[in-house]
Amino acid sequence: MGATKTEHFSPKVNAIASLAKAIGHPARVAIIEYLLKVNTCICNDIVNELPLSQPTVSQHLKALKEAGLIQGEVEGNSICYCINPKAIEKLNNYFGKLSAKISTEHLNCCTK
């Protein structure tokens, strides 16, 4: 399998792909949904909410943070995480435009 050629795509396309890849795992979706539900920065509660080990949750948090979907701040001996609203807004704008375009321009595409 060949290497991806991200340099062939615009920074905007690469940014959306990075965000989409980060939410491409059910555990990460569950983490984001939990952070949205509690609507505050949380530290250790995430591990108690998921049927995963602490190291696995940490790996998923790292992926979400690297993509920019969540933010983390050190508080004492732990890191407290919260949603990055700017990243969620980017996804919302992208999928909103995609949905609007599909609804208006491709109503009859590929339907038989």
PDB file of N, CA and C in Angstrom:
ATOM      1  N   MET A   1       0.843  -1.168   0.000  1.00  0.00           N
ATOM      2  CA  MET A   1       0.000   0.000   0.000  1.00  0.00           C
ATOM      3  C   MET A   1       0.890   1.232   0.000  1.00  0.00           C
ATOM      4  N   GLY A   2       0.597   2.194  -0.851  1.00  0.00           N
ATOM      5  CA  GLY A   2       1.405   3.388  -0.971  1.00  0.00           C
ATOM      6  C   GLY A   2       1.151   4.387   0.143  1.00  0.00           C
ATOM      7  N   ALA A   3       2.089   5.274   0.295  1.00  0.00           N
ATOM      8  CA  ALA A   3       1.969   6.325   1.299  1.00  0.00           C
ATOM      9  C   ALA A   3       0.952   7.362   0.838  1.00  0.00           C
ATOM     10  N   THR A   4       0.302   7.990   1.797  1.00  0.00           N
ATOM     11  CA  THR A   4      -0.642   9.045   1.443  1.00  0.00           C
ATOM     12  C   THR A   4       0.138  10.261   0.970  1.00  0.00           C
ATOM     13  N   LYS A   5      -0.440  10.996   0.097  1.00  0.00           N
ATOM     14  CA  LYS A   5       0.210  12.176  -0.474  1.00  0.00           C
ATOM     15  C   LYS A   5      -0.551  13.421  -0.049  1.00  0.00           C
ATOM     16  N   THR A   6      -0.513  13.718   1.243  1.00  0.00           N
ATOM     17  CA  THR A   6      -1.283  14.847   1.754  1.00  0.00           C
ATOM     18  C   THR A   6      -0.836  16.173   1.163  1.00  0.00           C
ATOM     19  N   GLU A   7       0.406  16.243   0.703  1.00  0.00           N
ATOM     20  CA  GLU A   7       0.893  17.505   0.127  1.00  0.00           C
ATOM     21  C   GLU A   7       0.178  17.857  -1.175  1.00  0.00           C
ATOM     22  N   HIS A   8      -0.522  16.905  -1.765  1.00  0.00           N
ATOM     23  CA  HIS A   8      -1.255  17.160  -3.001  1.00  0.00           C
ATOM     24  C   HIS A   8      -2.602  17.835  -2.743  1.00  0.00           C
ATOM     25  N   PHE A   9      -2.966  17.979  -1.486  1.00  0.00           N
ATOM     26  CA  PHE A   9      -4.261  18.539  -1.140  1.00  0.00           C
ATOM     27  C   PHE A   9      -4.093  19.841  -0.372  1.00  0.00           C
ATOM     28  N   SER A  10      -5.115  20.655  -0.413  1.00  0.00           N
ATOM     29  CA  SER A  10      -5.051  21.965   0.243  1.00  0.00           C
ATOM     30  C   SER A  10      -4.996  21.805   1.761  1.00  0.00           C
ATOM     31  N   PRO A  11      -4.482  22.810   2.445  1.00  0.00           N
ATOM     32  CA  PRO A  11      -4.476  22.764   3.913  1.00  0.00           C
ATOM     33  C   PRO A  11      -5.888  22.595   4.487  1.00  0.00           C
ATOM     34  N   LYS A  12      -6.885  23.195   3.848  1.00  0.00           N
ATOM     35  CA  LYS A  12      -8.265  23.075   4.323  1.00  0.00           C
ATOM     36  C   LYS A  12      -8.744  21.621   4.239  1.00  0.00           C
ATOM     37  N   VAL A  13      -8.467  20.962   3.118  1.00  0.00           N
ATOM     38  CA  VAL A  13      -8.871  19.561   2.940  1.00  0.00           C
ATOM     39  C   VAL A  13      -8.134  18.677   3.942  1.00  0.00           C
ATOM     40  N   ASN A  14      -6.852  18.914   4.127  1.00  0.00           N
ATOM     41  CA  ASN A  14      -6.083  18.126   5.094  1.00  0.00           C
ATOM     42  C   ASN A  14      -6.585  18.337   6.518  1.00  0.00           C
ATOM     43  N   ALA A  15      -6.981  19.559   6.850  1.00  0.00           N
ATOM     44  CA  ALA A  15      -7.487  19.845   8.198  1.00  0.00           C
ATOM     45  C   ALA A  15      -8.792  19.098   8.460  1.00  0.00           C
ATOM     46  N   ILE A  16      -9.703  19.112   7.495  1.00  0.00           N
ATOM     47  CA  ILE A  16     -10.972  18.396   7.652  1.00  0.00           C
ATOM     48  C   ILE A  16     -10.708  16.890   7.749  1.00  0.00           C
ATOM     49  N   ALA A  17      -9.802  16.383   6.920  1.00  0.00           N
ATOM     50  CA  ALA A  17      -9.480  14.956   6.955  1.00  0.00           C
ATOM     51  C   ALA A  17      -8.895  14.557   8.309  1.00  0.00           C
ATOM     52  N   SER A  18      -8.070  15.399   8.874  1.00  0.00           N
ATOM     53  CA  SER A  18      -7.477  15.122  10.179  1.00  0.00           C
ATOM     54  C   SER A  18      -8.545  15.072  11.269  1.00  0.00           C
ATOM     55  N   LEU A  19      -9.479  16.022  11.230  1.00  0.00           N
ATOM     56  CA  LEU A  19     -10.565  16.030  12.207  1.00  0.00           C
ATOM     57  C   LEU A  19     -11.451  14.800  12.040  1.00  0.00           C
ATOM     58  N   ALA A  20     -11.777  14.485  10.787  1.00  0.00           N
ATOM     59  CA  ALA A  20     -12.639  13.329  10.519  1.00  0.00           C
ATOM     60  C   ALA A  20     -11.961  12.024  10.939  1.00  0.00           C
ATOM     61  N   LYS A  21     -10.673  11.924  10.689  1.00  0.00           N
ATOM     62  CA  LYS A  21      -9.935  10.720  11.089  1.00  0.00           C
ATOM     63  C   LYS A  21      -9.951  10.565  12.611  1.00  0.00           C
ATOM     64  N   ALA A  22      -9.809  11.680  13.305  1.00  0.00           N
ATOM     65  CA  ALA A  22      -9.780  11.627  14.769  1.00  0.00           C
ATOM     66  C   ALA A  22     -11.101  11.145  15.350  1.00  0.00           C
ATOM     67  N   ILE A  23     -12.218  11.431  14.693  1.00  0.00           N
ATOM     68  CA  ILE A  23     -13.501  10.968  15.221  1.00  0.00           C
ATOM     69  C   ILE A  23     -13.938   9.666  14.562  1.00  0.00           C
ATOM     70  N   GLY A  24     -13.015   9.035  13.853  1.00  0.00           N
ATOM     71  CA  GLY A  24     -13.321   7.799  13.150  1.00  0.00           C
ATOM     72  C   GLY A  24     -13.250   6.546  14.004  1.00  0.00           C
ATOM     73  N   HIS A  25     -13.288   6.686  15.303  1.00  0.00           N
ATOM     74  CA  HIS A  25     -13.265   5.528  16.193  1.00  0.00           C
ATOM     75  C   HIS A  25     -14.382   5.695  17.219  1.00  0.00           C
ATOM     76  N   PRO A  26     -15.140   4.644  17.491  1.00  0.00           N
ATOM     77  CA  PRO A  26     -16.266   4.768  18.426  1.00  0.00           C
ATOM     78  C   PRO A  26     -15.873   5.282  19.818  1.00  0.00           C
ATOM     79  N   ALA A  27     -14.705   4.907  20.296  1.00  0.00           N
ATOM     80  CA  ALA A  27     -14.278   5.368  21.616  1.00  0.00           C
ATOM     81  C   ALA A  27     -14.079   6.885  21.609  1.00  0.00           C
ATOM     82  N   ARG A  28     -13.560   7.415  20.521  1.00  0.00           N
ATOM     83  CA  ARG A  28     -13.338   8.861  20.435  1.00  0.00           C
ATOM     84  C   ARG A  28     -14.647   9.611  20.317  1.00  0.00           C
ATOM     85  N   VAL A  29     -15.591   9.030  19.587  1.00  0.00           N
ATOM     86  CA  VAL A  29     -16.922   9.637  19.513  1.00  0.00           C
ATOM     87  C   VAL A  29     -17.548   9.640  20.907  1.00  0.00           C
ATOM     88  N   ALA A  30     -17.397   8.549  21.632  1.00  0.00           N
ATOM     89  CA  ALA A  30     -17.943   8.462  22.992  1.00  0.00           C
ATOM     90  C   ALA A  30     -17.292   9.496  23.911  1.00  0.00           C
ATOM     91  N   ILE A  31     -16.002   9.705  23.767  1.00  0.00           N
ATOM     92  CA  ILE A  31     -15.307  10.708  24.583  1.00  0.00           C
ATOM     93  C   ILE A  31     -15.849  12.093  24.271  1.00  0.00           C
ATOM     94  N   ILE A  32     -15.986  12.418  22.999  1.00  0.00           N
ATOM     95  CA  ILE A  32     -16.512  13.733  22.624  1.00  0.00           C
ATOM     96  C   ILE A  32     -17.938  13.907  23.141  1.00  0.00           C
ATOM     97  N   GLU A  33     -18.770  12.892  22.984  1.00  0.00           N
ATOM     98  CA  GLU A  33     -20.147  12.984  23.472  1.00  0.00           C
ATOM     99  C   GLU A  33     -20.189  13.174  24.987  1.00  0.00           C
ATOM    100  N   TYR A  34     -19.298  12.495  25.692  1.00  0.00           N
ATOM    101  CA  TYR A  34     -19.255  12.657  27.147  1.00  0.00           C
ATOM    102  C   TYR A  34     -18.819  14.069  27.521  1.00  0.00           C
ATOM    103  N   LEU A  35     -17.798  14.579  26.856  1.00  0.00           N
ATOM    104  CA  LEU A  35     -17.349  15.944  27.153  1.00  0.00           C
ATOM    105  C   LEU A  35     -18.439  16.970  26.851  1.00  0.00           C
ATOM    106  N   LEU A  36     -19.203  16.736  25.794  1.00  0.00           N
ATOM    107  CA  LEU A  36     -20.318  17.630  25.483  1.00  0.00           C
ATOM    108  C   LEU A  36     -21.416  17.529  26.538  1.00  0.00           C
ATOM    109  N   LYS A  37     -21.645  16.325  27.030  1.00  0.00           N
ATOM    110  CA  LYS A  37     -22.696  16.101  28.025  1.00  0.00           C
ATOM    111  C   LYS A  37     -22.373  16.811  29.339  1.00  0.00           C
ATOM    112  N   VAL A  38     -21.135  16.682  29.789  1.00  0.00           N
ATOM    113  CA  VAL A  38     -20.778  17.286  31.073  1.00  0.00           C
ATOM    114  C   VAL A  38     -20.516  18.777  30.947  1.00  0.00           C
ATOM    115  N   ASN A  39     -20.197  19.239  29.731  1.00  0.00           N
ATOM    116  CA  ASN A  39     -20.024  20.661  29.431  1.00  0.00           C
ATOM    117  C   ASN A  39     -19.049  21.349  30.383  1.00  0.00           C
ATOM    118  N   THR A  40     -17.988  20.656  30.739  1.00  0.00           N
ATOM    119  CA  THR A  40     -16.963  21.236  31.590  1.00  0.00           C
ATOM    120  C   THR A  40     -15.666  20.471  31.358  1.00  0.00           C
ATOM    121  N   CYS A  41     -14.582  21.011  31.824  1.00  0.00           N
ATOM    122  CA  CYS A  41     -13.314  20.291  31.737  1.00  0.00           C
ATOM    123  C   CYS A  41     -13.306  19.194  32.797  1.00  0.00           C
ATOM    124  N   ILE A  42     -12.914  18.016  32.376  1.00  0.00           N
ATOM    125  CA  ILE A  42     -12.869  16.900  33.315  1.00  0.00           C
ATOM    126  C   ILE A  42     -11.508  16.231  33.267  1.00  0.00           C
ATOM    127  N   CYS A  43     -11.162  15.605  34.367  1.00  0.00           N
ATOM    128  CA  CYS A  43      -9.853  14.966  34.453  1.00  0.00           C
ATOM    129  C   CYS A  43      -9.959  13.453  34.394  1.00  0.00           C
ATOM    130  N   ASN A  44     -10.325  12.818  35.466  1.00  0.00           N
ATOM    131  CA  ASN A  44     -10.275  11.361  35.554  1.00  0.00           C
ATOM    132  C   ASN A  44     -11.602  10.677  35.248  1.00  0.00           C
ATOM    133  N   ASP A  45     -12.665  11.418  35.102  1.00  0.00           N
ATOM    134  CA  ASP A  45     -13.989  10.826  34.913  1.00  0.00           C
ATOM    135  C   ASP A  45     -14.120  10.046  33.614  1.00  0.00           C
ATOM    136  N   ILE A  46     -13.357  10.366  32.608  1.00  0.00           N
ATOM    137  CA  ILE A  46     -13.517   9.739  31.292  1.00  0.00           C
ATOM    138  C   ILE A  46     -13.272   8.236  31.376  1.00  0.00           C
ATOM    139  N   VAL A  47     -12.275   7.834  32.115  1.00  0.00           N
ATOM    140  CA  VAL A  47     -11.953   6.406  32.236  1.00  0.00           C
ATOM    141  C   VAL A  47     -13.116   5.653  32.874  1.00  0.00           C
ATOM    142  N   ASN A  48     -13.809   6.289  33.802  1.00  0.00           N
ATOM    143  CA  ASN A  48     -14.943   5.638  34.474  1.00  0.00           C
ATOM    144  C   ASN A  48     -16.156   5.520  33.557  1.00  0.00           C
ATOM    145  N   GLU A  49     -16.203   6.293  32.489  1.00  0.00           N
ATOM    146  CA  GLU A  49     -17.355   6.308  31.594  1.00  0.00           C
ATOM    147  C   GLU A  49     -17.252   5.320  30.438  1.00  0.00           C
ATOM    148  N   LEU A  50     -16.065   4.843  30.162  1.00  0.00           N
ATOM    149  CA  LEU A  50     -15.852   3.974  29.001  1.00  0.00           C
ATOM    150  C   LEU A  50     -15.409   2.578  29.426  1.00  0.00           C
ATOM    151  N   PRO A  51     -15.773   1.580  28.644  1.00  0.00           N
ATOM    152  CA  PRO A  51     -15.361   0.210  28.963  1.00  0.00           C
ATOM    153  C   PRO A  51     -13.949  -0.090  28.449  1.00  0.00           C
ATOM    154  N   LEU A  52     -13.044   0.826  28.705  1.00  0.00           N
ATOM    155  CA  LEU A  52     -11.670   0.699  28.214  1.00  0.00           C
ATOM    156  C   LEU A  52     -10.690   0.945  29.347  1.00  0.00           C
ATOM    157  N   SER A  53      -9.495   0.442  29.181  1.00  0.00           N
ATOM    158  CA  SER A  53      -8.462   0.658  30.197  1.00  0.00           C
ATOM    159  C   SER A  53      -7.972   2.102  30.155  1.00  0.00           C
ATOM    160  N   GLN A  54      -7.340   2.507  31.236  1.00  0.00           N
ATOM    161  CA  GLN A  54      -6.822   3.874  31.324  1.00  0.00           C
ATOM    162  C   GLN A  54      -5.799   4.163  30.222  1.00  0.00           C
ATOM    163  N   PRO A  55      -4.856   3.254  29.923  1.00  0.00           N
ATOM    164  CA  PRO A  55      -3.909   3.540  28.843  1.00  0.00           C
ATOM    165  C   PRO A  55      -4.584   3.691  27.479  1.00  0.00           C
ATOM    166  N   THR A  56      -5.623   2.898  27.230  1.00  0.00           N
ATOM    167  CA  THR A  56      -6.339   2.990  25.957  1.00  0.00           C
ATOM    168  C   THR A  56      -7.070   4.315  25.854  1.00  0.00           C
ATOM    169  N   VAL A  57      -7.727   4.725  26.938  1.00  0.00           N
ATOM    170  CA  VAL A  57      -8.408   6.028  26.949  1.00  0.00           C
ATOM    171  C   VAL A  57      -7.386   7.142  26.716  1.00  0.00           C
ATOM    172  N   SER A  58      -6.242   7.026  27.339  1.00  0.00           N
ATOM    173  CA  SER A  58      -5.193   8.039  27.160  1.00  0.00           C
ATOM    174  C   SER A  58      -4.750   8.138  25.707  1.00  0.00           C
ATOM    175  N   GLN A  59      -4.638   7.010  25.026  1.00  0.00           N
ATOM    176  CA  GLN A  59      -4.259   7.025  23.608  1.00  0.00           C
ATOM    177  C   GLN A  59      -5.318   7.737  22.769  1.00  0.00           C
ATOM    178  N   HIS A  60      -6.587   7.478  23.056  1.00  0.00           N
ATOM    179  CA  HIS A  60      -7.663   8.130  22.313  1.00  0.00           C
ATOM    180  C   HIS A  60      -7.706   9.632  22.615  1.00  0.00           C
ATOM    181  N   LEU A  61      -7.481   9.999  23.866  1.00  0.00           N
ATOM    182  CA  LEU A  61      -7.428  11.419  24.221  1.00  0.00           C
ATOM    183  C   LEU A  61      -6.282  12.112  23.497  1.00  0.00           C
ATOM    184  N   LYS A  62      -5.159  11.431  23.402  1.00  0.00           N
ATOM    185  CA  LYS A  62      -3.999  11.989  22.696  1.00  0.00           C
ATOM    186  C   LYS A  62      -4.337  12.233  21.229  1.00  0.00           C
ATOM    187  N   ALA A  63      -4.997  11.283  20.578  1.00  0.00           N
ATOM    188  CA  ALA A  63      -5.368  11.436  19.170  1.00  0.00           C
ATOM    189  C   ALA A  63      -6.333  12.603  18.983  1.00  0.00           C
ATOM    190  N   LEU A  64      -7.306  12.721  19.885  1.00  0.00           N
ATOM    191  CA  LEU A  64      -8.260  13.832  19.794  1.00  0.00           C
ATOM    192  C   LEU A  64      -7.579  15.176  20.027  1.00  0.00           C
ATOM    193  N   LYS A  65      -6.641  15.187  20.950  1.00  0.00           N
ATOM    194  CA  LYS A  65      -5.922  16.434  21.243  1.00  0.00           C
ATOM    195  C   LYS A  65      -5.008  16.816  20.080  1.00  0.00           C
ATOM    196  N   GLU A  66      -4.299  15.844  19.511  1.00  0.00           N
ATOM    197  CA  GLU A  66      -3.420  16.128  18.376  1.00  0.00           C
ATOM    198  C   GLU A  66      -4.196  16.668  17.183  1.00  0.00           C
ATOM    199  N   ALA A  67      -5.417  16.201  16.996  1.00  0.00           N
ATOM    200  CA  ALA A  67      -6.253  16.690  15.902  1.00  0.00           C
ATOM    201  C   ALA A  67      -6.856  18.058  16.222  1.00  0.00           C
ATOM    202  N   GLY A  68      -6.811  18.438  17.485  1.00  0.00           N
ATOM    203  CA  GLY A  68      -7.351  19.738  17.882  1.00  0.00           C
ATOM    204  C   GLY A  68      -8.806  19.715  18.299  1.00  0.00           C
ATOM    205  N   LEU A  69      -9.401  18.522  18.395  1.00  0.00           N
ATOM    206  CA  LEU A  69     -10.809  18.438  18.783  1.00  0.00           C
ATOM    207  C   LEU A  69     -11.035  18.691  20.265  1.00  0.00           C
ATOM    208  N   ILE A  70     -10.034  18.380  21.076  1.00  0.00           N
ATOM    209  CA  ILE A  70     -10.127  18.666  22.502  1.00  0.00           C
ATOM    210  C   ILE A  70      -8.896  19.435  22.936  1.00  0.00           C
ATOM    211  N   GLN A  71      -9.030  20.071  24.076  1.00  0.00           N
ATOM    212  CA  GLN A  71      -7.920  20.807  24.679  1.00  0.00           C
ATOM    213  C   GLN A  71      -7.658  20.192  26.041  1.00  0.00           C
ATOM    214  N   GLY A  72      -6.430  20.266  26.478  1.00  0.00           N
ATOM    215  CA  GLY A  72      -6.092  19.730  27.790  1.00  0.00           C
ATOM    216  C   GLY A  72      -5.183  20.674  28.542  1.00  0.00           C
ATOM    217  N   GLU A  73      -5.481  20.842  29.823  1.00  0.00           N
ATOM    218  CA  GLU A  73      -4.655  21.678  30.682  1.00  0.00           C
ATOM    219  C   GLU A  73      -4.236  20.872  31.900  1.00  0.00           C
ATOM    220  N   VAL A  74      -3.009  21.065  32.320  1.00  0.00           N
ATOM    221  CA  VAL A  74      -2.502  20.360  33.487  1.00  0.00           C
ATOM    222  C   VAL A  74      -3.079  21.011  34.741  1.00  0.00           C
ATOM    223  N   GLU A  75      -3.662  20.178  35.578  1.00  0.00           N
ATOM    224  CA  GLU A  75      -4.166  20.607  36.886  1.00  0.00           C
ATOM    225  C   GLU A  75      -3.638  19.634  37.918  1.00  0.00           C
ATOM    226  N   GLY A  76      -2.641  20.046  38.648  1.00  0.00           N
ATOM    227  CA  GLY A  76      -2.028  19.149  39.629  1.00  0.00           C
ATOM    228  C   GLY A  76      -1.317  18.012  38.933  1.00  0.00           C
ATOM    229  N   ASN A  77      -1.700  16.794  39.273  1.00  0.00           N
ATOM    230  CA  ASN A  77      -1.075  15.603  38.685  1.00  0.00           C
ATOM    231  C   ASN A  77      -1.836  15.053  37.490  1.00  0.00           C
ATOM    232  N   SER A  78      -2.874  15.732  37.048  1.00  0.00           N
ATOM    233  CA  SER A  78      -3.669  15.203  35.947  1.00  0.00           C
ATOM    234  C   SER A  78      -3.891  16.284  34.880  1.00  0.00           C
ATOM    235  N   ILE A  79      -4.436  15.844  33.767  1.00  0.00           N
ATOM    236  CA  ILE A  79      -4.767  16.754  32.672  1.00  0.00           C
ATOM    237  C   ILE A  79      -6.283  16.798  32.564  1.00  0.00           C
ATOM    238  N   CYS A  80      -6.825  17.998  32.533  1.00  0.00           N
ATOM    239  CA  CYS A  80      -8.270  18.172  32.405  1.00  0.00           C
ATOM    240  C   CYS A  80      -8.592  18.506  30.955  1.00  0.00           C
ATOM    241  N   TYR A  81      -9.573  17.809  30.392  1.00  0.00           N
ATOM    242  CA  TYR A  81      -9.906  17.937  28.980  1.00  0.00           C
ATOM    243  C   TYR A  81     -11.262  18.605  28.783  1.00  0.00           C
ATOM    244  N   CYS A  82     -11.363  19.339  27.678  1.00  0.00           N
ATOM    245  CA  CYS A  82     -12.634  19.922  27.269  1.00  0.00           C
ATOM    246  C   CYS A  82     -12.644  20.035  25.741  1.00  0.00           C
ATOM    247  N   ILE A  83     -13.822  20.239  25.203  1.00  0.00           N
ATOM    248  CA  ILE A  83     -14.015  20.369  23.763  1.00  0.00           C
ATOM    249  C   ILE A  83     -13.381  21.659  23.257  1.00  0.00           C
ATOM    250  N   ASN A  84     -12.792  21.598  22.072  1.00  0.00           N
ATOM    251  CA  ASN A  84     -12.309  22.799  21.388  1.00  0.00           C
ATOM    252  C   ASN A  84     -13.427  23.249  20.444  1.00  0.00           C
ATOM    253  N   PRO A  85     -14.159  24.297  20.804  1.00  0.00           N
ATOM    254  CA  PRO A  85     -15.312  24.699  19.987  1.00  0.00           C
ATOM    255  C   PRO A  85     -14.947  25.093  18.563  1.00  0.00           C
ATOM    256  N   LYS A  86     -13.752  25.604  18.349  1.00  0.00           N
ATOM    257  CA  LYS A  86     -13.353  26.003  16.988  1.00  0.00           C
ATOM    258  C   LYS A  86     -13.256  24.794  16.061  1.00  0.00           C
ATOM    259  N   ALA A  87     -12.751  23.686  16.565  1.00  0.00           N
ATOM    260  CA  ALA A  87     -12.642  22.475  15.746  1.00  0.00           C
ATOM    261  C   ALA A  87     -14.023  21.913  15.437  1.00  0.00           C
ATOM    262  N   ILE A  88     -14.897  21.918  16.432  1.00  0.00           N
ATOM    263  CA  ILE A  88     -16.262  21.427  16.213  1.00  0.00           C
ATOM    264  C   ILE A  88     -16.972  22.326  15.204  1.00  0.00           C
ATOM    265  N   GLU A  89     -16.727  23.614  15.281  1.00  0.00           N
ATOM    266  CA  GLU A  89     -17.320  24.562  14.322  1.00  0.00           C
ATOM    267  C   GLU A  89     -16.838  24.277  12.898  1.00  0.00           C
ATOM    268  N   LYS A  90     -15.557  23.944  12.752  1.00  0.00           N
ATOM    269  CA  LYS A  90     -15.034  23.591  11.427  1.00  0.00           C
ATOM    270  C   LYS A  90     -15.755  22.382  10.854  1.00  0.00           C
ATOM    271  N   LEU A  91     -15.933  21.350  11.676  1.00  0.00           N
ATOM    272  CA  LEU A  91     -16.645  20.152  11.225  1.00  0.00           C
ATOM    273  C   LEU A  91     -18.102  20.477  10.895  1.00  0.00           C
ATOM    274  N   ASN A  92     -18.728  21.262  11.754  1.00  0.00           N
ATOM    275  CA  ASN A  92     -20.114  21.642  11.535  1.00  0.00           C
ATOM    276  C   ASN A  92     -20.269  22.416  10.223  1.00  0.00           C
ATOM    277  N   ASN A  93     -19.381  23.352   9.980  1.00  0.00           N
ATOM    278  CA  ASN A  93     -19.438  24.122   8.733  1.00  0.00           C
ATOM    279  C   ASN A  93     -19.233  23.222   7.518  1.00  0.00           C
ATOM    280  N   TYR A  94     -18.253  22.343   7.604  1.00  0.00           N
ATOM    281  CA  TYR A  94     -17.974  21.459   6.474  1.00  0.00           C
ATOM    282  C   TYR A  94     -19.161  20.554   6.174  1.00  0.00           C
ATOM    283  N   PHE A  95     -19.639  19.844   7.195  1.00  0.00           N
ATOM    284  CA  PHE A  95     -20.734  18.911   6.959  1.00  0.00           C
ATOM    285  C   PHE A  95     -22.046  19.633   6.660  1.00  0.00           C
ATOM    286  N   GLY A  96     -22.215  20.834   7.201  1.00  0.00           N
ATOM    287  CA  GLY A  96     -23.395  21.625   6.870  1.00  0.00           C
ATOM    288  C   GLY A  96     -23.408  22.020   5.399  1.00  0.00           C
ATOM    289  N   LYS A  97     -22.256  22.473   4.897  1.00  0.00           N
ATOM    290  CA  LYS A  97     -22.155  22.829   3.479  1.00  0.00           C
ATOM    291  C   LYS A  97     -22.313  21.598   2.593  1.00  0.00           C
ATOM    292  N   LEU A  98     -21.729  20.508   3.005  1.00  0.00           N
ATOM    293  CA  LEU A  98     -21.845  19.256   2.256  1.00  0.00           C
ATOM    294  C   LEU A  98     -23.303  18.811   2.182  1.00  0.00           C
ATOM    295  N   SER A  99     -23.976  18.856   3.306  1.00  0.00           N
ATOM    296  CA  SER A  99     -25.379  18.455   3.354  1.00  0.00           C
ATOM    297  C   SER A  99     -26.252  19.362   2.499  1.00  0.00           C
ATOM    298  N   ALA A 100     -26.012  20.665   2.580  1.00  0.00           N
ATOM    299  CA  ALA A 100     -26.798  21.608   1.793  1.00  0.00           C
ATOM    300  C   ALA A 100     -26.580  21.380   0.298  1.00  0.00           C
ATOM    301  N   LYS A 101     -25.332  21.126  -0.079  1.00  0.00           N
ATOM    302  CA  LYS A 101     -25.022  20.898  -1.486  1.00  0.00           C
ATOM    303  C   LYS A 101     -25.681  19.617  -1.989  1.00  0.00           C
ATOM    304  N   ILE A 102     -25.621  18.575  -1.194  1.00  0.00           N
ATOM    305  CA  ILE A 102     -26.256  17.310  -1.578  1.00  0.00           C
ATOM    306  C   ILE A 102     -27.766  17.496  -1.700  1.00  0.00           C
ATOM    307  N   SER A 103     -28.342  18.211  -0.765  1.00  0.00           N
ATOM    308  CA  SER A 103     -29.807  18.406  -0.771  1.00  0.00           C
ATOM    309  C   SER A 103     -30.274  19.199  -1.974  1.00  0.00           C
ATOM    310  N   THR A 104     -29.495  20.180  -2.396  1.00  0.00           N
ATOM    311  CA  THR A 104     -29.960  21.064  -3.468  1.00  0.00           C
ATOM    312  C   THR A 104     -29.488  20.655  -4.851  1.00  0.00           C
ATOM    313  N   GLU A 105     -28.313  20.080  -4.958  1.00  0.00           N
ATOM    314  CA  GLU A 105     -27.736  19.836  -6.286  1.00  0.00           C
ATOM    315  C   GLU A 105     -27.745  18.378  -6.725  1.00  0.00           C
ATOM    316  N   HIS A 106     -27.874  17.477  -5.814  1.00  0.00           N
ATOM    317  CA  HIS A 106     -27.732  16.075  -6.180  1.00  0.00           C
ATOM    318  C   HIS A 106     -28.954  15.239  -5.774  1.00  0.00           C
ATOM    319  N   LEU A 107     -30.101  15.826  -5.855  1.00  0.00           N
ATOM    320  CA  LEU A 107     -31.301  15.104  -5.457  1.00  0.00           C
ATOM    321  C   LEU A 107     -31.539  13.854  -6.270  1.00  0.00           C
ATOM    322  N   ASN A 108     -31.237  13.903  -7.571  1.00  0.00           N
ATOM    323  CA  ASN A 108     -31.533  12.771  -8.438  1.00  0.00           C
ATOM    324  C   ASN A 108     -30.286  11.959  -8.812  1.00  0.00           C
ATOM    325  N   CYS A 109     -29.173  12.304  -8.238  1.00  0.00           N
ATOM    326  CA  CYS A 109     -27.933  11.612  -8.567  1.00  0.00           C
ATOM    327  C   CYS A 109     -27.968  10.182  -8.030  1.00  0.00           C
ATOM    328  N   CYS A 110     -27.664   9.250  -8.883  1.00  0.00           N
ATOM    329  CA  CYS A 110     -27.507   7.842  -8.501  1.00  0.00           C
ATOM    330  C   CYS A 110     -28.765   7.220  -7.910  1.00  0.00           C
ATOM    331  N   THR A 111     -29.908   7.755  -8.207  1.00  0.00           N
ATOM    332  CA  THR A 111     -31.143   7.121  -7.744  1.00  0.00           C
ATOM    333  C   THR A 111     -31.839   6.466  -8.915  1.00  0.00           C
ATOM    334  N   LYS A 112     -32.279   5.256  -8.703  1.00  0.00           N
ATOM    335  CA  LYS A 112     -32.961   4.534  -9.771  1.00  0.00           C
ATOM    336  C   LYS A 112     -34.184   3.877  -9.223  1.00  0.00           C
TER     337      LYS A 112
END
